[in-house]
Amino acid sequence: MGRDFSHIARRCERAVVTAYRELREAGQADMAAFQACTALYRIHHPEASMSEARRLVSEWVDHHVHRASTGATPGCEC
C-alpha cells in the first residue's frame, strides 16, 4: 500500500486515494476507510449524491490501491 499516488491529476481523486491508503496503514478497517473517503469526496463535491460518491470512491480505490494501476479513471473534472 505504500505506493506514490502523485501521478493522479485530479485533486479530489488524489485526496481520496491518499486518505484511504493512510487510513488503512494506520489500522482502520476497509469499510471505515471507505466511508471516511466517501465523506471526504462529498466535502469536495457537496453536489454529488451519496451513490455517486460511493461509486467513484470504490472505482478509485480499486483502480489505484487494489490493482495498482496508474492509468486514467472516470470521475469529476477537478
C-alpha atoms as a PDB file:
ATOM      1  CA  MET A   1       0.000   0.000   0.000  1.00  0.00           C
ATOM      2  CA  GLY A   2       2.912   2.394   0.275  1.00  0.00           C
ATOM      3  CA  ARG A   3       2.710   3.480  -3.354  1.00  0.00           C
ATOM      4  CA  ASP A   4       3.234   7.020  -4.663  1.00  0.00           C
ATOM      5  CA  PHE A   5      -0.021   8.497  -5.942  1.00  0.00           C
ATOM      6  CA  SER A   6       1.455  11.840  -7.057  1.00  0.00           C
ATOM      7  CA  HIS A   7       0.713  10.926 -10.694  1.00  0.00           C
ATOM      8  CA  ILE A   8      -3.047  11.315 -10.084  1.00  0.00           C
ATOM      9  CA  ALA A   9      -4.079  14.543 -11.781  1.00  0.00           C
ATOM     10  CA  ARG A  10      -7.464  15.244 -10.168  1.00  0.00           C
ATOM     11  CA  ARG A  11      -7.134  16.785  -6.723  1.00  0.00           C
ATOM     12  CA  CYS A  12     -10.143  15.076  -5.169  1.00  0.00           C
ATOM     13  CA  GLU A  13      -9.120  11.691  -6.575  1.00  0.00           C
ATOM     14  CA  ARG A  14      -5.606  12.082  -5.178  1.00  0.00           C
ATOM     15  CA  ALA A  15      -7.021  13.186  -1.807  1.00  0.00           C
ATOM     16  CA  VAL A  16      -9.370  10.195  -1.650  1.00  0.00           C
ATOM     17  CA  VAL A  17      -6.738   7.628  -2.623  1.00  0.00           C
ATOM     18  CA  THR A  18      -4.141   9.100  -0.264  1.00  0.00           C
ATOM     19  CA  ALA A  19      -6.620   9.228   2.624  1.00  0.00           C
ATOM     20  CA  TYR A  20      -7.728   5.641   2.018  1.00  0.00           C
ATOM     21  CA  ARG A  21      -4.158   4.387   1.902  1.00  0.00           C
ATOM     22  CA  GLU A  22      -3.151   6.264   5.061  1.00  0.00           C
ATOM     23  CA  LEU A  23      -6.227   5.169   6.997  1.00  0.00           C
ATOM     24  CA  ARG A  24      -5.601   1.526   6.091  1.00  0.00           C
ATOM     25  CA  GLU A  25      -1.914   1.844   7.019  1.00  0.00           C
ATOM     26  CA  ALA A  26      -2.996   3.307  10.378  1.00  0.00           C
ATOM     27  CA  GLY A  27      -5.061   0.196  11.044  1.00  0.00           C
ATOM     28  CA  GLN A  28      -8.549   1.294  10.046  1.00  0.00           C
ATOM     29  CA  ALA A  29     -10.853  -1.374   8.643  1.00  0.00           C
ATOM     30  CA  ASP A  30     -11.618  -1.313   4.934  1.00  0.00           C
ATOM     31  CA  MET A  31     -15.231  -0.187   5.397  1.00  0.00           C
ATOM     32  CA  ALA A  32     -14.310   2.566   7.862  1.00  0.00           C
ATOM     33  CA  ALA A  33     -11.676   3.908   5.456  1.00  0.00           C
ATOM     34  CA  PHE A  34     -14.134   3.691   2.553  1.00  0.00           C
ATOM     35  CA  GLN A  35     -16.823   5.586   4.480  1.00  0.00           C
ATOM     36  CA  ALA A  36     -14.349   8.277   5.522  1.00  0.00           C
ATOM     37  CA  CYS A  37     -13.203   8.698   1.931  1.00  0.00           C
ATOM     38  CA  THR A  38     -16.784   8.904   0.699  1.00  0.00           C
ATOM     39  CA  ALA A  39     -17.364  11.714   3.197  1.00  0.00           C
ATOM     40  CA  LEU A  40     -14.139  13.385   2.035  1.00  0.00           C
ATOM     41  CA  TYR A  41     -15.297  13.256  -1.585  1.00  0.00           C
ATOM     42  CA  ARG A  42     -18.630  14.810  -0.632  1.00  0.00           C
ATOM     43  CA  ILE A  43     -16.820  17.634   1.172  1.00  0.00           C
ATOM     44  CA  HIS A  44     -15.046  18.402  -2.118  1.00  0.00           C
ATOM     45  CA  HIS A  45     -18.269  17.849  -4.099  1.00  0.00           C
ATOM     46  CA  PRO A  46     -21.366  18.532  -1.949  1.00  0.00           C
ATOM     47  CA  GLU A  47     -23.500  18.415  -5.100  1.00  0.00           C
ATOM     48  CA  ALA A  48     -22.706  14.712  -5.566  1.00  0.00           C
ATOM     49  CA  SER A  49     -25.223  12.133  -4.428  1.00  0.00           C
ATOM     50  CA  MET A  50     -24.157   9.534  -1.903  1.00  0.00           C
ATOM     51  CA  SER A  51     -24.410   6.798  -4.531  1.00  0.00           C
ATOM     52  CA  GLU A  52     -22.232   8.768  -6.958  1.00  0.00           C
ATOM     53  CA  ALA A  53     -19.647   9.374  -4.231  1.00  0.00           C
ATOM     54  CA  ARG A  54     -19.605   5.698  -3.262  1.00  0.00           C
ATOM     55  CA  ARG A  55     -19.238   4.613  -6.882  1.00  0.00           C
ATOM     56  CA  LEU A  56     -16.333   6.960  -7.607  1.00  0.00           C
ATOM     57  CA  VAL A  57     -14.513   6.197  -4.357  1.00  0.00           C
ATOM     58  CA  SER A  58     -14.843   2.463  -4.912  1.00  0.00           C
ATOM     59  CA  GLU A  59     -13.608   2.781  -8.516  1.00  0.00           C
ATOM     60  CA  TRP A  60     -10.641   4.923  -7.486  1.00  0.00           C
ATOM     61  CA  VAL A  61      -9.646   2.673  -4.574  1.00  0.00           C
ATOM     62  CA  ASP A  62      -9.966  -0.433  -6.717  1.00  0.00           C
ATOM     63  CA  HIS A  63      -8.001   1.124  -9.572  1.00  0.00           C
ATOM     64  CA  HIS A  64      -5.174   2.760  -7.618  1.00  0.00           C
ATOM     65  CA  VAL A  65      -4.882   0.670  -4.457  1.00  0.00           C
ATOM     66  CA  HIS A  66      -6.068  -2.841  -5.210  1.00  0.00           C
ATOM     67  CA  ARG A  67      -4.990  -3.078  -8.855  1.00  0.00           C
ATOM     68  CA  ALA A  68      -2.072  -0.618  -8.505  1.00  0.00           C
ATOM     69  CA  SER A  69      -2.948   0.819 -11.931  1.00  0.00           C
ATOM     70  CA  THR A  70      -1.683   4.222 -12.994  1.00  0.00           C
ATOM     71  CA  GLY A  71      -3.918   4.921 -15.993  1.00  0.00           C
ATOM     72  CA  ALA A  72      -6.776   7.390 -16.157  1.00  0.00           C
ATOM     73  CA  THR A  73     -10.033   6.720 -14.324  1.00  0.00           C
ATOM     74  CA  PRO A  74     -13.541   8.103 -14.780  1.00  0.00           C
ATOM     75  CA  GLY A  75     -14.624  10.838 -12.421  1.00  0.00           C
ATOM     76  CA  CYS A  76     -15.006  14.539 -11.845  1.00  0.00           C
ATOM     77  CA  GLU A  77     -13.071  17.185 -13.720  1.00  0.00           C
ATOM     78  CA  CYS A  78     -11.355  18.950 -10.806  1.00  0.00           C
END
